[in-house]
Every structure is written in C-alpha cells, then in structure tokens.
C-alpha cells in the first residue's frame, strides 16, 4: 500500500486572525512522493502515501503550549531574513517527555516550511520538510527551543493542483 501523508500546514500560513491567507488556500500534490497537502481557511491537512495523516485547526501556538507537549503550529520570524517566517508543526509523543537541569525534551513528529511574509500572488508551490521521529528541546529558563530530525527526514515539493 502506498504511503500517503496528509499534512495540512495551513496553520503555518496563518494570518493575524487565525486563517490561512486566500493566496495559500488550495490543494497541493507531491506527485513523486505521493503526498497531498490541503490548505483550507481554518484547517490544514498533510496526507502521506502510506495513509498517515497530519491535520490541525489553524491556531498559532506558543512556547508555553509546546512545553505542555501540545500539538500545533509554531510561527517565528526568521532570524536571518525578517521578510520570512519559520513555520513549524509539532505533534509531540508525550510518553517520551523528560527534563533535567532546566532543559525539557521529547520526541515529536515535525514539519517545517519557510514562508515569505508579504506574499501577494497565489502560491504555486510549497516545500515542506517532515520527519516522524524528530526531537524538540526547550530551555525552560529562556524559552529558547530547537527542533531536529534524523537523516531519514523527507522534503516534499508540493505543486498546486486546485484553488
């Protein structure tokens, strides 16, 4: 059976009112890897070829929610280029959560994309980096956090198929 991961990363594409901007909404396919991305106004879904589905309502999360190992999308201004947004989706495995010396960490399914802040035209493609067995690490004193994925992570190159 083909693996299909549906990852709705529309959460990454949030406007200030918690909606996917209209120029990102639509259905995207990565024909080579058999994955589908569906971005709706208030929900996103990523479907992988094996039937694995990652979906969420469009709500921007913060580090406090991440500390509680809550699923969601985390949006940060890119530290190198202020015209870009780093968009992360985390689906933590709560049973793996550990802490020691002001650090908190857990395993998590992760997805990441980099988006322009001021996209005016309809988006034709979206690239998403995804791994099932990633790691989230949080410094609980500074609230700085980072994610990492092992060598088996995949990059999906989604092309719009319908608005």
N, C-alpha and C. Protein backbone atom coordinates (compact mmCIF):
# COMPACT_ATOMS: atom_id res chain seq x y z
N UNK A 1 0.84 -1.18 0.00
CA UNK A 1 0.00 0.00 0.00
C UNK A 1 0.89 1.24 0.00
N UNK A 2 0.54 2.17 -0.87
CA UNK A 2 1.33 3.39 -0.93
C UNK A 2 1.19 4.17 0.35
N UNK A 3 2.25 4.87 0.70
CA UNK A 3 2.20 5.71 1.89
C UNK A 3 1.76 7.10 1.47
N UNK A 4 0.76 7.60 2.13
CA UNK A 4 0.32 8.96 1.86
C UNK A 4 0.27 9.70 3.17
N UNK A 5 1.01 10.76 3.27
CA UNK A 5 0.96 11.57 4.48
C UNK A 5 0.24 12.84 4.12
N UNK A 6 -0.80 13.12 4.81
CA UNK A 6 -1.50 14.36 4.58
C UNK A 6 -1.11 15.28 5.69
N UNK A 7 -0.45 16.32 5.32
CA UNK A 7 -0.02 17.27 6.33
C UNK A 7 -0.60 18.60 5.97
N UNK A 8 -1.49 19.07 6.74
CA UNK A 8 -2.09 20.35 6.48
C UNK A 8 -1.26 21.37 7.20
N UNK A 9 -0.51 22.09 6.44
CA UNK A 9 0.39 23.06 7.05
C UNK A 9 -0.18 24.45 6.93
N UNK A 10 -1.44 24.54 6.71
CA UNK A 10 -2.08 25.84 6.64
C UNK A 10 -1.91 26.58 7.93
N UNK A 11 -1.74 25.88 8.98
CA UNK A 11 -1.53 26.53 10.26
C UNK A 11 -0.28 27.39 10.17
N UNK A 12 0.65 26.96 9.37
CA UNK A 12 1.88 27.71 9.21
C UNK A 12 1.62 29.01 8.49
N UNK A 13 0.53 29.04 7.77
CA UNK A 13 0.26 30.14 6.88
C UNK A 13 -0.77 31.09 7.48
N UNK A 14 -0.78 31.22 8.75
CA UNK A 14 -1.81 31.97 9.43
C UNK A 14 -1.72 33.46 9.19
N UNK A 15 -2.87 34.03 9.08
CA UNK A 15 -2.93 35.49 9.11
C UNK A 15 -3.16 35.88 10.56
N UNK A 16 -3.21 37.15 10.84
CA UNK A 16 -3.37 37.61 12.22
C UNK A 16 -4.66 37.11 12.84
N UNK A 17 -5.69 36.83 12.03
CA UNK A 17 -6.97 36.40 12.59
C UNK A 17 -7.09 34.88 12.63
N UNK A 18 -6.02 34.13 12.48
CA UNK A 18 -6.06 32.69 12.60
C UNK A 18 -6.65 31.98 11.40
N UNK A 19 -6.43 32.52 10.21
CA UNK A 19 -6.94 31.90 9.00
C UNK A 19 -5.80 31.77 7.99
N UNK A 20 -5.90 30.75 7.15
CA UNK A 20 -4.93 30.60 6.07
C UNK A 20 -5.23 31.69 5.04
N UNK A 21 -4.24 32.50 4.67
CA UNK A 21 -4.48 33.53 3.66
C UNK A 21 -4.99 32.91 2.35
N UNK A 22 -5.87 33.62 1.67
CA UNK A 22 -6.51 33.07 0.47
C UNK A 22 -5.50 32.69 -0.62
N UNK A 23 -4.37 33.37 -0.70
CA UNK A 23 -3.39 33.05 -1.75
C UNK A 23 -2.63 31.75 -1.48
N UNK A 24 -2.80 31.15 -0.29
CA UNK A 24 -2.20 29.85 0.03
C UNK A 24 -3.24 28.73 -0.01
N UNK A 25 -4.52 29.07 0.13
CA UNK A 25 -5.56 28.04 0.21
C UNK A 25 -5.64 27.23 -1.08
N UNK A 26 -5.86 25.92 -0.93
CA UNK A 26 -6.00 25.05 -2.08
C UNK A 26 -5.40 23.68 -1.81
N UNK A 27 -5.33 22.88 -2.85
CA UNK A 27 -4.80 21.53 -2.77
C UNK A 27 -3.49 21.47 -3.53
N UNK A 28 -2.50 20.82 -2.92
CA UNK A 28 -1.16 20.69 -3.49
C UNK A 28 -0.78 19.21 -3.49
N UNK A 29 -0.03 18.79 -4.51
CA UNK A 29 0.44 17.40 -4.59
C UNK A 29 1.95 17.37 -4.78
N UNK A 30 2.58 16.36 -4.16
CA UNK A 30 3.95 15.99 -4.49
C UNK A 30 3.80 14.65 -5.22
N UNK A 31 3.72 14.71 -6.54
CA UNK A 31 3.45 13.51 -7.33
C UNK A 31 4.55 12.46 -7.18
N UNK A 32 5.79 12.90 -7.05
CA UNK A 32 6.91 11.96 -6.93
C UNK A 32 6.80 11.12 -5.66
N UNK A 33 6.42 11.74 -4.55
CA UNK A 33 6.36 11.03 -3.27
C UNK A 33 4.94 10.60 -2.89
N UNK A 34 3.95 10.97 -3.68
CA UNK A 34 2.58 10.56 -3.41
C UNK A 34 1.94 11.23 -2.21
N UNK A 35 2.34 12.44 -1.90
CA UNK A 35 1.81 13.16 -0.74
C UNK A 35 0.88 14.28 -1.20
N UNK A 36 -0.07 14.62 -0.33
CA UNK A 36 -1.06 15.65 -0.63
C UNK A 36 -1.11 16.65 0.52
N UNK A 37 -1.22 17.92 0.18
CA UNK A 37 -1.34 18.99 1.15
C UNK A 37 -2.61 19.76 0.83
N UNK A 38 -3.50 19.89 1.82
CA UNK A 38 -4.75 20.60 1.62
C UNK A 38 -4.82 21.74 2.63
N UNK A 39 -4.86 22.96 2.13
CA UNK A 39 -4.91 24.15 2.99
C UNK A 39 -6.27 24.81 2.83
N UNK A 40 -7.06 24.78 3.89
CA UNK A 40 -8.36 25.44 3.92
C UNK A 40 -8.27 26.67 4.79
N UNK A 41 -9.32 27.44 4.85
CA UNK A 41 -9.29 28.70 5.58
C UNK A 41 -8.94 28.51 7.05
N UNK A 42 -9.49 27.47 7.69
CA UNK A 42 -9.27 27.29 9.13
C UNK A 42 -8.67 25.93 9.47
N UNK A 43 -8.20 25.18 8.48
CA UNK A 43 -7.65 23.85 8.74
C UNK A 43 -6.66 23.49 7.64
N UNK A 44 -5.65 22.70 8.02
CA UNK A 44 -4.70 22.19 7.04
C UNK A 44 -4.56 20.70 7.25
N UNK A 45 -4.23 19.97 6.17
CA UNK A 45 -4.06 18.52 6.26
C UNK A 45 -2.93 18.08 5.34
N UNK A 46 -2.05 17.25 5.86
CA UNK A 46 -0.98 16.64 5.08
C UNK A 46 -1.25 15.14 5.07
N UNK A 47 -1.31 14.54 3.88
CA UNK A 47 -1.56 13.10 3.76
C UNK A 47 -0.37 12.46 3.06
N UNK A 48 0.22 11.46 3.70
CA UNK A 48 1.36 10.75 3.12
C UNK A 48 0.89 9.51 2.37
N UNK A 49 1.74 8.98 1.54
CA UNK A 49 1.40 7.86 0.67
C UNK A 49 0.98 6.61 1.45
N UNK A 50 1.43 6.44 2.70
CA UNK A 50 1.07 5.27 3.49
C UNK A 50 -0.26 5.44 4.23
N UNK A 51 -0.92 6.57 4.00
CA UNK A 51 -2.19 6.84 4.66
C UNK A 51 -2.06 7.65 5.94
N UNK A 52 -0.84 7.89 6.38
CA UNK A 52 -0.61 8.70 7.58
C UNK A 52 -1.13 10.12 7.33
N UNK A 53 -1.91 10.64 8.28
CA UNK A 53 -2.50 11.97 8.14
C UNK A 53 -2.08 12.85 9.30
N UNK A 54 -1.66 14.05 8.96
CA UNK A 54 -1.34 15.06 9.96
C UNK A 54 -2.26 16.23 9.66
N UNK A 55 -3.10 16.59 10.63
CA UNK A 55 -4.08 17.65 10.40
C UNK A 55 -4.27 18.48 11.65
N UNK A 56 -4.70 19.71 11.46
CA UNK A 56 -4.90 20.57 12.61
C UNK A 56 -5.75 21.77 12.22
N UNK A 57 -6.43 22.31 13.21
CA UNK A 57 -7.11 23.59 13.04
C UNK A 57 -6.04 24.67 12.96
N UNK A 58 -6.37 25.78 12.37
CA UNK A 58 -5.44 26.88 12.23
C UNK A 58 -5.46 27.71 13.51
N UNK A 59 -4.46 27.50 14.34
CA UNK A 59 -4.29 28.23 15.59
C UNK A 59 -2.79 28.39 15.81
N UNK A 60 -2.36 29.60 16.06
CA UNK A 60 -0.94 29.81 16.32
C UNK A 60 -0.63 29.42 17.76
N UNK A 61 0.38 28.60 17.95
CA UNK A 61 0.77 28.13 19.28
C UNK A 61 1.98 28.91 19.76
N UNK A 62 2.26 28.81 21.07
CA UNK A 62 3.43 29.48 21.63
C UNK A 62 4.27 28.47 22.42
N UNK A 63 5.40 28.92 22.94
CA UNK A 63 6.32 28.01 23.62
C UNK A 63 5.69 27.42 24.88
N UNK A 64 4.77 28.12 25.53
CA UNK A 64 4.12 27.57 26.72
C UNK A 64 3.29 26.34 26.35
N UNK A 65 2.61 26.38 25.22
CA UNK A 65 1.86 25.22 24.75
C UNK A 65 2.81 24.09 24.38
N UNK A 66 3.94 24.45 23.77
CA UNK A 66 4.94 23.45 23.39
C UNK A 66 5.52 22.77 24.63
N UNK A 67 5.74 23.52 25.70
CA UNK A 67 6.25 22.93 26.95
C UNK A 67 5.29 21.88 27.50
N UNK A 68 4.00 22.05 27.22
CA UNK A 68 2.99 21.10 27.67
C UNK A 68 2.81 19.97 26.67
N UNK A 69 3.69 19.92 25.66
CA UNK A 69 3.66 18.90 24.62
C UNK A 69 2.33 18.90 23.87
N UNK A 70 1.84 20.10 23.56
CA UNK A 70 0.59 20.24 22.82
C UNK A 70 0.88 20.30 21.32
N UNK A 71 0.09 19.56 20.55
CA UNK A 71 0.19 19.60 19.09
C UNK A 71 -0.09 21.02 18.61
N UNK A 72 0.57 21.42 17.56
CA UNK A 72 0.23 22.70 16.97
C UNK A 72 1.29 23.26 16.06
N UNK A 73 0.97 24.43 15.54
CA UNK A 73 1.86 25.14 14.64
C UNK A 73 2.50 26.29 15.40
N UNK A 74 3.78 26.44 15.21
CA UNK A 74 4.56 27.48 15.87
C UNK A 74 5.19 28.34 14.79
N UNK A 75 4.94 29.65 14.84
CA UNK A 75 5.40 30.57 13.81
C UNK A 75 6.35 31.59 14.42
N UNK A 76 7.52 31.71 13.83
CA UNK A 76 8.54 32.64 14.31
C UNK A 76 9.10 33.44 13.15
N UNK A 77 9.49 34.67 13.42
CA UNK A 77 10.19 35.45 12.41
C UNK A 77 11.56 34.80 12.19
N UNK A 78 11.94 34.66 10.93
CA UNK A 78 13.23 34.07 10.61
C UNK A 78 14.34 34.99 11.12
N UNK A 79 15.31 34.46 11.88
CA UNK A 79 16.34 35.31 12.47
C UNK A 79 17.33 35.91 11.46
N UNK A 80 17.41 35.33 10.28
CA UNK A 80 18.36 35.80 9.26
C UNK A 80 17.70 36.79 8.29
N UNK A 81 16.46 36.50 7.89
CA UNK A 81 15.74 37.33 6.93
C UNK A 81 14.38 37.70 7.52
N UNK A 82 14.22 38.94 7.93
CA UNK A 82 12.99 39.40 8.59
C UNK A 82 11.77 39.40 7.67
N UNK A 83 11.96 39.16 6.37
CA UNK A 83 10.85 39.06 5.43
C UNK A 83 10.30 37.65 5.32
N UNK A 84 10.87 36.72 6.10
CA UNK A 84 10.44 35.32 6.06
C UNK A 84 9.93 34.88 7.43
N UNK A 85 9.06 33.87 7.40
CA UNK A 85 8.58 33.24 8.62
C UNK A 85 9.03 31.79 8.66
N UNK A 86 9.51 31.35 9.82
CA UNK A 86 9.77 29.93 10.06
C UNK A 86 8.47 29.36 10.61
N UNK A 87 7.95 28.32 9.97
CA UNK A 87 6.70 27.71 10.40
C UNK A 87 6.97 26.25 10.74
N UNK A 88 6.67 25.89 11.99
CA UNK A 88 6.91 24.54 12.50
C UNK A 88 5.59 23.91 12.91
N UNK A 89 5.42 22.62 12.62
CA UNK A 89 4.31 21.87 13.18
C UNK A 89 4.92 20.79 14.05
N UNK A 90 4.41 20.66 15.27
CA UNK A 90 4.89 19.62 16.18
C UNK A 90 3.72 18.77 16.66
N UNK A 91 3.93 17.47 16.65
CA UNK A 91 2.96 16.51 17.21
C UNK A 91 3.75 15.66 18.21
N UNK A 92 3.88 16.16 19.45
CA UNK A 92 4.72 15.51 20.46
C UNK A 92 4.24 14.11 20.86
N UNK A 93 5.21 13.28 21.23
CA UNK A 93 4.94 11.98 21.83
C UNK A 93 5.12 12.19 23.33
N UNK A 94 4.02 12.41 24.02
CA UNK A 94 4.06 12.81 25.43
C UNK A 94 4.80 11.80 26.30
N UNK A 95 4.70 10.53 25.99
CA UNK A 95 5.34 9.50 26.81
C UNK A 95 6.86 9.59 26.80
N UNK A 96 7.44 10.35 25.86
CA UNK A 96 8.90 10.47 25.78
C UNK A 96 9.41 11.73 26.48
N UNK A 97 8.52 12.53 27.03
CA UNK A 97 8.92 13.80 27.65
C UNK A 97 9.82 13.57 28.86
N UNK A 98 10.95 14.33 28.89
CA UNK A 98 11.90 14.27 30.00
C UNK A 98 12.40 15.67 30.30
N UNK A 99 12.91 15.87 31.51
CA UNK A 99 13.50 17.16 31.84
C UNK A 99 14.64 16.95 32.82
N UNK A 100 15.60 17.88 32.76
CA UNK A 100 16.75 17.84 33.66
C UNK A 100 17.52 19.15 33.52
N UNK A 101 17.88 19.75 34.61
CA UNK A 101 18.74 20.93 34.61
C UNK A 101 18.22 22.10 33.80
N UNK A 102 16.92 22.33 33.81
CA UNK A 102 16.35 23.45 33.06
C UNK A 102 16.08 23.17 31.60
N UNK A 103 16.30 21.92 31.18
CA UNK A 103 16.00 21.52 29.80
C UNK A 103 14.83 20.56 29.79
N UNK A 104 14.00 20.69 28.78
CA UNK A 104 12.85 19.81 28.58
C UNK A 104 12.96 19.28 27.15
N UNK A 105 12.74 17.99 26.94
CA UNK A 105 12.82 17.45 25.60
C UNK A 105 11.84 16.30 25.44
N UNK A 106 11.47 16.06 24.19
CA UNK A 106 10.57 14.95 23.86
C UNK A 106 10.67 14.66 22.36
N UNK A 107 10.28 13.44 22.01
CA UNK A 107 10.21 13.05 20.60
C UNK A 107 8.94 13.66 20.02
N UNK A 108 8.95 13.89 18.70
CA UNK A 108 7.81 14.53 18.07
C UNK A 108 7.84 14.32 16.57
N UNK A 109 6.68 14.16 15.98
CA UNK A 109 6.59 14.28 14.53
C UNK A 109 6.73 15.77 14.25
N UNK A 110 7.49 16.12 13.24
CA UNK A 110 7.77 17.52 12.95
C UNK A 110 7.61 17.82 11.46
N UNK A 111 7.17 19.03 11.18
CA UNK A 111 7.14 19.53 9.81
C UNK A 111 7.60 20.99 9.85
N UNK A 112 8.24 21.42 8.78
CA UNK A 112 8.80 22.78 8.75
C UNK A 112 8.70 23.34 7.34
N UNK A 113 8.40 24.61 7.26
CA UNK A 113 8.46 25.32 6.00
C UNK A 113 8.90 26.76 6.26
N UNK A 114 9.39 27.40 5.24
CA UNK A 114 9.85 28.78 5.31
C UNK A 114 8.97 29.57 4.34
N UNK A 115 8.29 30.61 4.84
CA UNK A 115 7.33 31.34 4.02
C UNK A 115 7.62 32.83 3.98
N UNK A 116 7.38 33.46 2.82
CA UNK A 116 7.50 34.91 2.75
C UNK A 116 6.36 35.58 3.51
N UNK A 117 6.66 36.66 4.21
CA UNK A 117 5.64 37.37 5.00
C UNK A 117 4.61 38.06 4.12
N UNK A 118 5.05 38.66 3.04
CA UNK A 118 4.17 39.51 2.24
C UNK A 118 3.88 38.92 0.87
N UNK A 119 3.40 37.69 0.84
CA UNK A 119 3.06 37.02 -0.42
C UNK A 119 1.78 37.65 -0.97
N UNK A 120 1.83 38.20 -2.19
CA UNK A 120 0.66 38.87 -2.78
C UNK A 120 -0.08 37.97 -3.77
N UNK A 121 0.65 37.24 -4.61
CA UNK A 121 0.03 36.41 -5.65
C UNK A 121 -0.30 35.03 -5.10
N UNK A 122 -1.17 34.30 -5.84
CA UNK A 122 -1.47 32.93 -5.45
C UNK A 122 -0.19 32.11 -5.46
N UNK A 123 -0.01 31.31 -4.44
CA UNK A 123 1.17 30.47 -4.30
C UNK A 123 1.02 29.26 -5.20
N UNK A 124 2.06 28.96 -5.99
CA UNK A 124 2.02 27.82 -6.90
C UNK A 124 2.64 26.57 -6.29
N UNK A 125 3.53 26.76 -5.30
CA UNK A 125 4.20 25.60 -4.70
C UNK A 125 4.57 25.89 -3.25
N UNK A 126 4.69 24.81 -2.49
CA UNK A 126 5.10 24.88 -1.08
C UNK A 126 6.05 23.72 -0.82
N UNK A 127 7.21 23.99 -0.25
CA UNK A 127 8.14 22.93 0.15
C UNK A 127 8.02 22.70 1.65
N UNK A 128 7.94 21.43 2.06
CA UNK A 128 7.80 21.08 3.46
C UNK A 128 8.81 20.00 3.82
N UNK A 129 9.53 20.22 4.90
CA UNK A 129 10.48 19.26 5.47
C UNK A 129 9.71 18.52 6.56
N UNK A 130 9.77 17.18 6.58
CA UNK A 130 8.95 16.39 7.51
C UNK A 130 9.72 15.20 8.05
N UNK A 131 9.52 14.91 9.34
CA UNK A 131 10.05 13.67 9.91
C UNK A 131 9.08 13.15 10.97
N UNK A 132 8.99 11.84 11.05
CA UNK A 132 8.13 11.19 12.04
C UNK A 132 8.81 11.07 13.39
N UNK A 133 10.14 11.04 13.39
CA UNK A 133 10.89 10.76 14.62
C UNK A 133 11.83 11.89 14.99
N UNK A 134 11.29 13.10 15.06
CA UNK A 134 12.09 14.26 15.42
C UNK A 134 12.22 14.44 16.92
N UNK A 135 12.89 15.51 17.30
CA UNK A 135 13.12 15.81 18.72
C UNK A 135 12.92 17.30 18.92
N UNK A 136 12.25 17.66 20.01
CA UNK A 136 12.08 19.06 20.42
C UNK A 136 12.84 19.23 21.72
N UNK A 137 13.64 20.29 21.81
CA UNK A 137 14.39 20.61 23.03
C UNK A 137 14.07 22.05 23.42
N UNK A 138 13.74 22.26 24.71
CA UNK A 138 13.36 23.59 25.19
C UNK A 138 14.20 23.94 26.41
N UNK A 139 14.79 25.13 26.40
CA UNK A 139 15.45 25.68 27.59
C UNK A 139 14.34 26.38 28.37
N UNK A 140 13.94 25.81 29.49
CA UNK A 140 12.78 26.33 30.23
C UNK A 140 13.07 27.66 30.93
N UNK A 141 14.33 28.03 31.06
CA UNK A 141 14.67 29.31 31.69
C UNK A 141 14.58 30.47 30.71
N UNK A 142 14.98 30.24 29.47
CA UNK A 142 14.98 31.31 28.46
C UNK A 142 13.84 31.18 27.46
N UNK A 143 13.17 30.03 27.46
CA UNK A 143 12.12 29.70 26.48
C UNK A 143 12.65 29.59 25.06
N UNK A 144 13.96 29.46 24.90
CA UNK A 144 14.52 29.16 23.59
C UNK A 144 14.29 27.69 23.31
N UNK A 145 14.03 27.36 22.06
CA UNK A 145 13.78 25.96 21.71
C UNK A 145 14.31 25.69 20.31
N UNK A 146 14.53 24.41 20.06
CA UNK A 146 15.00 23.98 18.75
C UNK A 146 14.42 22.62 18.42
N UNK A 147 14.39 22.31 17.13
CA UNK A 147 13.93 21.00 16.69
C UNK A 147 15.03 20.35 15.89
N UNK A 148 14.96 19.04 15.79
CA UNK A 148 15.92 18.30 14.98
C UNK A 148 15.29 17.03 14.44
N UNK A 149 15.78 16.61 13.30
CA UNK A 149 15.30 15.39 12.66
C UNK A 149 16.49 14.54 12.26
N UNK A 150 16.35 13.21 12.32
CA UNK A 150 17.43 12.32 11.90
C UNK A 150 17.57 12.31 10.38
N UNK A 151 18.51 11.55 9.91
CA UNK A 151 18.83 11.51 8.48
C UNK A 151 17.66 11.04 7.61
N UNK A 152 16.68 10.34 8.14
CA UNK A 152 15.58 9.81 7.34
C UNK A 152 14.47 10.79 7.02
N UNK A 153 14.63 12.04 7.38
CA UNK A 153 13.59 13.04 7.12
C UNK A 153 13.42 13.24 5.61
N UNK A 154 12.22 13.70 5.21
CA UNK A 154 11.93 13.91 3.79
C UNK A 154 11.54 15.36 3.53
N UNK A 155 11.86 15.81 2.33
CA UNK A 155 11.39 17.11 1.87
C UNK A 155 10.37 16.86 0.77
N UNK A 156 9.21 17.49 0.91
CA UNK A 156 8.14 17.38 -0.07
C UNK A 156 8.08 18.67 -0.87
N UNK A 157 7.92 18.52 -2.18
CA UNK A 157 7.82 19.66 -3.10
C UNK A 157 6.40 19.66 -3.66
N UNK A 158 5.52 20.37 -2.99
CA UNK A 158 4.10 20.39 -3.36
C UNK A 158 3.84 21.43 -4.44
N UNK A 159 3.08 21.02 -5.45
CA UNK A 159 2.64 21.90 -6.53
C UNK A 159 1.12 22.04 -6.44
N UNK A 160 0.62 23.26 -6.61
CA UNK A 160 -0.83 23.49 -6.53
C UNK A 160 -1.54 22.75 -7.66
N UNK A 161 -2.64 22.06 -7.32
CA UNK A 161 -3.45 21.39 -8.33
C UNK A 161 -4.84 22.01 -8.42
N UNK A 162 -5.29 22.67 -7.36
CA UNK A 162 -6.56 23.40 -7.42
C UNK A 162 -6.61 24.45 -6.33
N UNK A 163 -7.37 25.48 -6.59
CA UNK A 163 -7.53 26.60 -5.64
C UNK A 163 -8.56 26.24 -4.61
